[in-house]
Amino acid sequence: MTEIFTISDDYIELNKLLKASGLCGSGGQAKMVIEDNLVSVGGIIETRKRRKIKDGMTVTCNARSLKVVKAPIQAE
């Protein structure tokens, strides 16, 4: 099952996403799982810690998948 992670900016860096979503307990752990080739973006192993993850992209780590969705702009 794919979980939804909502962002408010145009993108979030991969290592920050892993920490913010709870897929990793710390930024250091996020960097380690990326270095160990345990993270994929769109089904392809990703080794760039600061890869920009944008609306519609799916990240998988530790058998959990996150679909990143940009929050709609709020009208005033």
PDB file of N, CA and C in Angstrom:
ATOM      1  N   MET A   1       0.833  -1.175   0.000  1.00  0.00           N
ATOM      2  CA  MET A   1       0.000   0.000   0.000  1.00  0.00           C
ATOM      3  C   MET A   1       0.883   1.246   0.000  1.00  0.00           C
ATOM      4  N   THR A   2       0.528   2.208  -0.804  1.00  0.00           N
ATOM      5  CA  THR A   2       1.285   3.443  -0.908  1.00  0.00           C
ATOM      6  C   THR A   2       0.667   4.511  -0.021  1.00  0.00           C
ATOM      7  N   GLU A   3       1.507   5.113   0.804  1.00  0.00           N
ATOM      8  CA  GLU A   3       1.064   6.198   1.674  1.00  0.00           C
ATOM      9  C   GLU A   3       1.214   7.525   0.930  1.00  0.00           C
ATOM     10  N   ILE A   4       0.484   8.529   1.370  1.00  0.00           N
ATOM     11  CA  ILE A   4       0.554   9.866   0.769  1.00  0.00           C
ATOM     12  C   ILE A   4       1.345  10.775   1.704  1.00  0.00           C
ATOM     13  N   PHE A   5       2.279  11.533   1.131  1.00  0.00           N
ATOM     14  CA  PHE A   5       3.033  12.538   1.885  1.00  0.00           C
ATOM     15  C   PHE A   5       2.833  13.867   1.172  1.00  0.00           C
ATOM     16  N   THR A   6       2.299  14.852   1.881  1.00  0.00           N
ATOM     17  CA  THR A   6       1.971  16.144   1.280  1.00  0.00           C
ATOM     18  C   THR A   6       3.087  17.149   1.538  1.00  0.00           C
ATOM     19  N   ILE A   7       3.469  17.855   0.467  1.00  0.00           N
ATOM     20  CA  ILE A   7       4.468  18.912   0.587  1.00  0.00           C
ATOM     21  C   ILE A   7       3.819  20.247   0.242  1.00  0.00           C
ATOM     22  N   SER A   8       4.371  21.321   0.785  1.00  0.00           N
ATOM     23  CA  SER A   8       3.822  22.644   0.493  1.00  0.00           C
ATOM     24  C   SER A   8       4.670  23.400  -0.522  1.00  0.00           C
ATOM     25  N   ASP A   9       5.935  23.014  -0.666  1.00  0.00           N
ATOM     26  CA  ASP A   9       6.823  23.643  -1.642  1.00  0.00           C
ATOM     27  C   ASP A   9       6.804  22.847  -2.942  1.00  0.00           C
ATOM     28  N   ASP A  10       7.607  23.285  -3.903  1.00  0.00           N
ATOM     29  CA  ASP A  10       7.667  22.588  -5.188  1.00  0.00           C
ATOM     30  C   ASP A  10       8.351  21.230  -5.083  1.00  0.00           C
ATOM     31  N   TYR A  11       9.228  21.072  -4.092  1.00  0.00           N
ATOM     32  CA  TYR A  11       9.946  19.803  -3.924  1.00  0.00           C
ATOM     33  C   TYR A  11      10.422  19.663  -2.487  1.00  0.00           C
ATOM     34  N   ILE A  12      10.877  18.445  -2.155  1.00  0.00           N
ATOM     35  CA  ILE A  12      11.544  18.170  -0.884  1.00  0.00           C
ATOM     36  C   ILE A  12      12.741  17.289  -1.220  1.00  0.00           C
ATOM     37  N   GLU A  13      13.862  17.516  -0.546  1.00  0.00           N
ATOM     38  CA  GLU A  13      15.043  16.693  -0.795  1.00  0.00           C
ATOM     39  C   GLU A  13      14.811  15.295  -0.226  1.00  0.00           C
ATOM     40  N   LEU A  14      15.343  14.305  -0.921  1.00  0.00           N
ATOM     41  CA  LEU A  14      15.098  12.900  -0.573  1.00  0.00           C
ATOM     42  C   LEU A  14      15.436  12.594   0.879  1.00  0.00           C
ATOM     43  N   ASN A  15      16.612  13.002   1.344  1.00  0.00           N
ATOM     44  CA  ASN A  15      16.982  12.672   2.725  1.00  0.00           C
ATOM     45  C   ASN A  15      16.038  13.334   3.728  1.00  0.00           C
ATOM     46  N   LYS A  16      15.558  14.536   3.437  1.00  0.00           N
ATOM     47  CA  LYS A  16      14.619  15.217   4.319  1.00  0.00           C
ATOM     48  C   LYS A  16      13.246  14.543   4.295  1.00  0.00           C
ATOM     49  N   LEU A  17      12.850  14.043   3.136  1.00  0.00           N
ATOM     50  CA  LEU A  17      11.584  13.315   3.025  1.00  0.00           C
ATOM     51  C   LEU A  17      11.601  12.051   3.874  1.00  0.00           C
ATOM     52  N   LEU A  18      12.687  11.306   3.800  1.00  0.00           N
ATOM     53  CA  LEU A  18      12.782  10.064   4.559  1.00  0.00           C
ATOM     54  C   LEU A  18      12.661  10.327   6.054  1.00  0.00           C
ATOM     55  N   LYS A  19      13.285  11.394   6.531  1.00  0.00           N
ATOM     56  CA  LYS A  19      13.210  11.739   7.953  1.00  0.00           C
ATOM     57  C   LYS A  19      11.819  12.278   8.313  1.00  0.00           C
ATOM     58  N   ALA A  20      11.308  13.223   7.528  1.00  0.00           N
ATOM     59  CA  ALA A  20      10.018  13.858   7.839  1.00  0.00           C
ATOM     60  C   ALA A  20       8.856  12.866   7.801  1.00  0.00           C
ATOM     61  N   SER A  21       8.941  11.884   6.942  1.00  0.00           N
ATOM     62  CA  SER A  21       7.857  10.914   6.798  1.00  0.00           C
ATOM     63  C   SER A  21       7.907   9.798   7.835  1.00  0.00           C
ATOM     64  N   GLY A  22       9.037   9.688   8.518  1.00  0.00           N
ATOM     65  CA  GLY A  22       9.191   8.619   9.499  1.00  0.00           C
ATOM     66  C   GLY A  22       9.733   7.329   8.918  1.00  0.00           C
ATOM     67  N   LEU A  23      10.061   7.330   7.633  1.00  0.00           N
ATOM     68  CA  LEU A  23      10.664   6.126   7.047  1.00  0.00           C
ATOM     69  C   LEU A  23      12.033   5.868   7.658  1.00  0.00           C
ATOM     70  N   CYS A  24      12.697   6.946   8.098  1.00  0.00           N
ATOM     71  CA  CYS A  24      13.974   6.846   8.802  1.00  0.00           C
ATOM     72  C   CYS A  24      13.867   7.661  10.082  1.00  0.00           C
ATOM     73  N   GLY A  25      14.538   7.212  11.127  1.00  0.00           N
ATOM     74  CA  GLY A  25      14.450   7.874  12.410  1.00  0.00           C
ATOM     75  C   GLY A  25      15.249   9.151  12.534  1.00  0.00           C
ATOM     76  N   SER A  26      16.258   9.320  11.659  1.00  0.00           N
ATOM     77  CA  SER A  26      17.100  10.510  11.730  1.00  0.00           C
ATOM     78  C   SER A  26      17.652  10.823  10.345  1.00  0.00           C
ATOM     79  N   GLY A  27      18.196  12.017  10.222  1.00  0.00           N
ATOM     80  CA  GLY A  27      18.824  12.403   8.958  1.00  0.00           C
ATOM     81  C   GLY A  27      20.029  11.527   8.646  1.00  0.00           C
ATOM     82  N   GLY A  28      20.760  11.152   9.689  1.00  0.00           N
ATOM     83  CA  GLY A  28      21.920  10.276   9.491  1.00  0.00           C
ATOM     84  C   GLY A  28      21.515   8.910   8.975  1.00  0.00           C
ATOM     85  N   GLN A  29      20.434   8.378   9.522  1.00  0.00           N
ATOM     86  CA  GLN A  29      19.944   7.077   9.053  1.00  0.00           C
ATOM     87  C   GLN A  29      19.473   7.195   7.610  1.00  0.00           C
ATOM     88  N   ALA A  30      18.821   8.311   7.273  1.00  0.00           N
ATOM     89  CA  ALA A  30      18.352   8.518   5.897  1.00  0.00           C
ATOM     90  C   ALA A  30      19.535   8.500   4.930  1.00  0.00           C
ATOM     91  N   LYS A  31      20.608   9.180   5.285  1.00  0.00           N
ATOM     92  CA  LYS A  31      21.797   9.199   4.421  1.00  0.00           C
ATOM     93  C   LYS A  31      22.374   7.803   4.261  1.00  0.00           C
ATOM     94  N   MET A  32      22.372   7.013   5.341  1.00  0.00           N
ATOM     95  CA  MET A  32      22.932   5.661   5.276  1.00  0.00           C
ATOM     96  C   MET A  32      22.115   4.746   4.373  1.00  0.00           C
ATOM     97  N   VAL A  33      20.780   4.786   4.471  1.00  0.00           N
ATOM     98  CA  VAL A  33      19.974   3.892   3.632  1.00  0.00           C
ATOM     99  C   VAL A  33      20.088   4.285   2.163  1.00  0.00           C
ATOM    100  N   ILE A  34      20.264   5.580   1.890  1.00  0.00           N
ATOM    101  CA  ILE A  34      20.468   6.011   0.502  1.00  0.00           C
ATOM    102  C   ILE A  34      21.814   5.497  -0.003  1.00  0.00           C
ATOM    103  N   GLU A  35      22.861   5.644   0.804  1.00  0.00           N
ATOM    104  CA  GLU A  35      24.197   5.162   0.422  1.00  0.00           C
ATOM    105  C   GLU A  35      24.216   3.650   0.226  1.00  0.00           C
ATOM    106  N   ASP A  36      23.394   2.937   0.974  1.00  0.00           N
ATOM    107  CA  ASP A  36      23.345   1.472   0.896  1.00  0.00           C
ATOM    108  C   ASP A  36      22.419   0.967  -0.209  1.00  0.00           C
ATOM    109  N   ASN A  37      21.958   1.882  -1.076  1.00  0.00           N
ATOM    110  CA  ASN A  37      21.105   1.530  -2.221  1.00  0.00           C
ATOM    111  C   ASN A  37      19.788   0.887  -1.801  1.00  0.00           C
ATOM    112  N   LEU A  38      19.205   1.353  -0.701  1.00  0.00           N
ATOM    113  CA  LEU A  38      17.953   0.796  -0.198  1.00  0.00           C
ATOM    114  C   LEU A  38      16.746   1.674  -0.498  1.00  0.00           C
ATOM    115  N   VAL A  39      16.957   2.746  -1.278  1.00  0.00           N
ATOM    116  CA  VAL A  39      15.879   3.690  -1.587  1.00  0.00           C
ATOM    117  C   VAL A  39      15.711   3.761  -3.104  1.00  0.00           C
ATOM    118  N   SER A  40      14.453   3.727  -3.536  1.00  0.00           N
ATOM    119  CA  SER A  40      14.190   3.889  -4.962  1.00  0.00           C
ATOM    120  C   SER A  40      13.185   5.021  -5.173  1.00  0.00           C
ATOM    121  N   VAL A  41      13.339   5.657  -6.300  1.00  0.00           N
ATOM    122  CA  VAL A  41      12.417   6.714  -6.716  1.00  0.00           C
ATOM    123  C   VAL A  41      11.852   6.291  -8.059  1.00  0.00           C
ATOM    124  N   GLY A  42      10.552   6.085  -8.098  1.00  0.00           N
ATOM    125  CA  GLY A  42       9.929   5.622  -9.339  1.00  0.00           C
ATOM    126  C   GLY A  42      10.429   4.260  -9.772  1.00  0.00           C
ATOM    127  N   GLY A  43      10.821   3.419  -8.810  1.00  0.00           N
ATOM    128  CA  GLY A  43      11.279   2.068  -9.114  1.00  0.00           C
ATOM    129  C   GLY A  43      12.748   1.963  -9.478  1.00  0.00           C
ATOM    130  N   ILE A  44      13.481   3.074  -9.446  1.00  0.00           N
ATOM    131  CA  ILE A  44      14.907   3.082  -9.789  1.00  0.00           C
ATOM    132  C   ILE A  44      15.704   3.465  -8.543  1.00  0.00           C
ATOM    133  N   ILE A  45      16.743   2.672  -8.229  1.00  0.00           N
ATOM    134  CA  ILE A  45      17.586   2.955  -7.068  1.00  0.00           C
ATOM    135  C   ILE A  45      18.142   4.368  -7.176  1.00  0.00           C
ATOM    136  N   GLU A  46      18.042   5.117  -6.076  1.00  0.00           N
ATOM    137  CA  GLU A  46      18.515   6.502  -6.056  1.00  0.00           C
ATOM    138  C   GLU A  46      19.648   6.639  -5.047  1.00  0.00           C
ATOM    139  N   THR A  47      20.775   7.215  -5.476  1.00  0.00           N
ATOM    140  CA  THR A  47      21.936   7.376  -4.603  1.00  0.00           C
ATOM    141  C   THR A  47      22.220   8.839  -4.261  1.00  0.00           C
ATOM    142  N   ARG A  48      21.448   9.748  -4.806  1.00  0.00           N
ATOM    143  CA  ARG A  48      21.654  11.175  -4.511  1.00  0.00           C
ATOM    144  C   ARG A  48      20.830  11.557  -3.286  1.00  0.00           C
ATOM    145  N   LYS A  49      21.494  11.942  -2.214  1.00  0.00           N
ATOM    146  CA  LYS A  49      20.821  12.271  -0.956  1.00  0.00           C
ATOM    147  C   LYS A  49      19.906  13.472  -1.100  1.00  0.00           C
ATOM    148  N   ARG A  50      20.295  14.423  -1.932  1.00  0.00           N
ATOM    149  CA  ARG A  50      19.533  15.663  -2.055  1.00  0.00           C
ATOM    150  C   ARG A  50      18.685  15.698  -3.320  1.00  0.00           C
ATOM    151  N   ARG A  51      18.362  14.536  -3.862  1.00  0.00           N
ATOM    152  CA  ARG A  51      17.499  14.455  -5.043  1.00  0.00           C
ATOM    153  C   ARG A  51      16.196  15.189  -4.769  1.00  0.00           C
ATOM    154  N   LYS A  52      15.787  16.035  -5.688  1.00  0.00           N
ATOM    155  CA  LYS A  52      14.544  16.787  -5.519  1.00  0.00           C
ATOM    156  C   LYS A  52      13.360  15.867  -5.825  1.00  0.00           C
ATOM    157  N   ILE A  53      12.527  15.662  -4.827  1.00  0.00           N
ATOM    158  CA  ILE A  53      11.343  14.830  -4.970  1.00  0.00           C
ATOM    159  C   ILE A  53      10.159  15.774  -5.140  1.00  0.00           C
ATOM    160  N   LYS A  54       9.467  15.630  -6.267  1.00  0.00           N
ATOM    161  CA  LYS A  54       8.393  16.552  -6.632  1.00  0.00           C
ATOM    162  C   LYS A  54       7.034  15.850  -6.641  1.00  0.00           C
ATOM    163  N   ASP A  55       6.001  16.660  -6.831  1.00  0.00           N
ATOM    164  CA  ASP A  55       4.624  16.186  -6.884  1.00  0.00           C
ATOM    165  C   ASP A  55       4.478  15.002  -7.840  1.00  0.00           C
ATOM    166  N   GLY A  56       3.860  13.940  -7.356  1.00  0.00           N
ATOM    167  CA  GLY A  56       3.587  12.773  -8.185  1.00  0.00           C
ATOM    168  C   GLY A  56       4.641  11.687  -8.138  1.00  0.00           C
ATOM    169  N   MET A  57       5.805  11.968  -7.538  1.00  0.00           N
ATOM    170  CA  MET A  57       6.876  10.964  -7.468  1.00  0.00           C
ATOM    171  C   MET A  57       6.605   9.992  -6.319  1.00  0.00           C
ATOM    172  N   THR A  58       7.043   8.740  -6.496  1.00  0.00           N
ATOM    173  CA  THR A  58       6.884   7.708  -5.475  1.00  0.00           C
ATOM    174  C   THR A  58       8.257   7.260  -4.993  1.00  0.00           C
ATOM    175  N   VAL A  59       8.431   7.249  -3.674  1.00  0.00           N
ATOM    176  CA  VAL A  59       9.689   6.844  -3.043  1.00  0.00           C
ATOM    177  C   VAL A  59       9.426   5.582  -2.234  1.00  0.00           C
ATOM    178  N   THR A  60      10.309   4.597  -2.365  1.00  0.00           N
ATOM    179  CA  THR A  60      10.176   3.342  -1.632  1.00  0.00           C
ATOM    180  C   THR A  60      11.432   3.105  -0.798  1.00  0.00           C
ATOM    181  N   CYS A  61      11.210   2.734   0.466  1.00  0.00           N
ATOM    182  CA  CYS A  61      12.313   2.431   1.391  1.00  0.00           C
ATOM    183  C   CYS A  61      11.768   1.483   2.447  1.00  0.00           C
ATOM    184  N   ASN A  62      12.536   0.456   2.775  1.00  0.00           N
ATOM    185  CA  ASN A  62      12.135  -0.501   3.822  1.00  0.00           C
ATOM    186  C   ASN A  62      10.732  -1.061   3.581  1.00  0.00           C
ATOM    187  N   ALA A  63      10.442  -1.418   2.350  1.00  0.00           N
ATOM    188  CA  ALA A  63       9.172  -2.031   1.951  1.00  0.00           C
ATOM    189  C   ALA A  63       7.972  -1.113   2.152  1.00  0.00           C
ATOM    190  N   ARG A  64       8.207   0.186   2.333  1.00  0.00           N
ATOM    191  CA  ARG A  64       7.119   1.171   2.434  1.00  0.00           C
ATOM    192  C   ARG A  64       7.245   2.140   1.266  1.00  0.00           C
ATOM    193  N   SER A  65       6.118   2.522   0.720  1.00  0.00           N
ATOM    194  CA  SER A  65       6.111   3.460  -0.404  1.00  0.00           C
ATOM    195  C   SER A  65       5.353   4.727  -0.032  1.00  0.00           C
ATOM    196  N   LEU A  66       5.908   5.843  -0.492  1.00  0.00           N
ATOM    197  CA  LEU A  66       5.287   7.148  -0.283  1.00  0.00           C
ATOM    198  C   LEU A  66       5.051   7.799  -1.630  1.00  0.00           C
ATOM    199  N   LYS A  67       3.856   8.288  -1.851  1.00  0.00           N
ATOM    200  CA  LYS A  67       3.587   9.098  -3.031  1.00  0.00           C
ATOM    201  C   LYS A  67       3.558  10.547  -2.553  1.00  0.00           C
ATOM    202  N   VAL A  68       4.386  11.392  -3.166  1.00  0.00           N
ATOM    203  CA  VAL A  68       4.477  12.793  -2.770  1.00  0.00           C
ATOM    204  C   VAL A  68       3.445  13.592  -3.560  1.00  0.00           C
ATOM    205  N   VAL A  69       2.663  14.388  -2.832  1.00  0.00           N
ATOM    206  CA  VAL A  69       1.615  15.198  -3.425  1.00  0.00           C
ATOM    207  C   VAL A  69       1.776  16.626  -2.935  1.00  0.00           C
ATOM    208  N   LYS A  70       1.701  17.560  -3.854  1.00  0.00           N
ATOM    209  CA  LYS A  70       1.793  18.969  -3.466  1.00  0.00           C
ATOM    210  C   LYS A  70       0.428  19.436  -2.994  1.00  0.00           C
ATOM    211  N   ALA A  71       0.425  20.132  -1.856  1.00  0.00           N
ATOM    212  CA  ALA A  71      -0.816  20.645  -1.288  1.00  0.00           C
ATOM    213  C   ALA A  71      -1.395  21.712  -2.206  1.00  0.00           C
ATOM    214  N   PRO A  72      -2.713  21.753  -2.365  1.00  0.00           N
ATOM    215  CA  PRO A  72      -3.312  22.796  -3.193  1.00  0.00           C
ATOM    216  C   PRO A  72      -3.108  24.163  -2.568  1.00  0.00           C
ATOM    217  N   ILE A  73      -3.027  25.178  -3.417  1.00  0.00           N
ATOM    218  CA  ILE A  73      -2.846  26.538  -2.943  1.00  0.00           C
ATOM    219  C   ILE A  73      -4.157  27.015  -2.323  1.00  0.00           C
ATOM    220  N   GLN A  74      -4.054  27.590  -1.138  1.00  0.00           N
ATOM    221  CA  GLN A  74      -5.228  28.071  -0.426  1.00  0.00           C
ATOM    222  C   GLN A  74      -5.599  29.469  -0.917  1.00  0.00           C
ATOM    223  N   ALA A  75      -6.830  29.654  -1.300  1.00  0.00           N
ATOM    224  CA  ALA A  75      -7.318  30.977  -1.707  1.00  0.00           C
ATOM    225  C   ALA A  75      -7.642  31.790  -0.450  1.00  0.00           C
ATOM    226  N   GLU A  76      -7.370  33.076  -0.520  1.00  0.00           N
ATOM    227  CA  GLU A  76      -7.634  33.937   0.658  1.00  0.00           C
ATOM    228  C   GLU A  76      -8.996  34.551   0.583  1.00  0.00           C
TER     229      GLU A  76
END
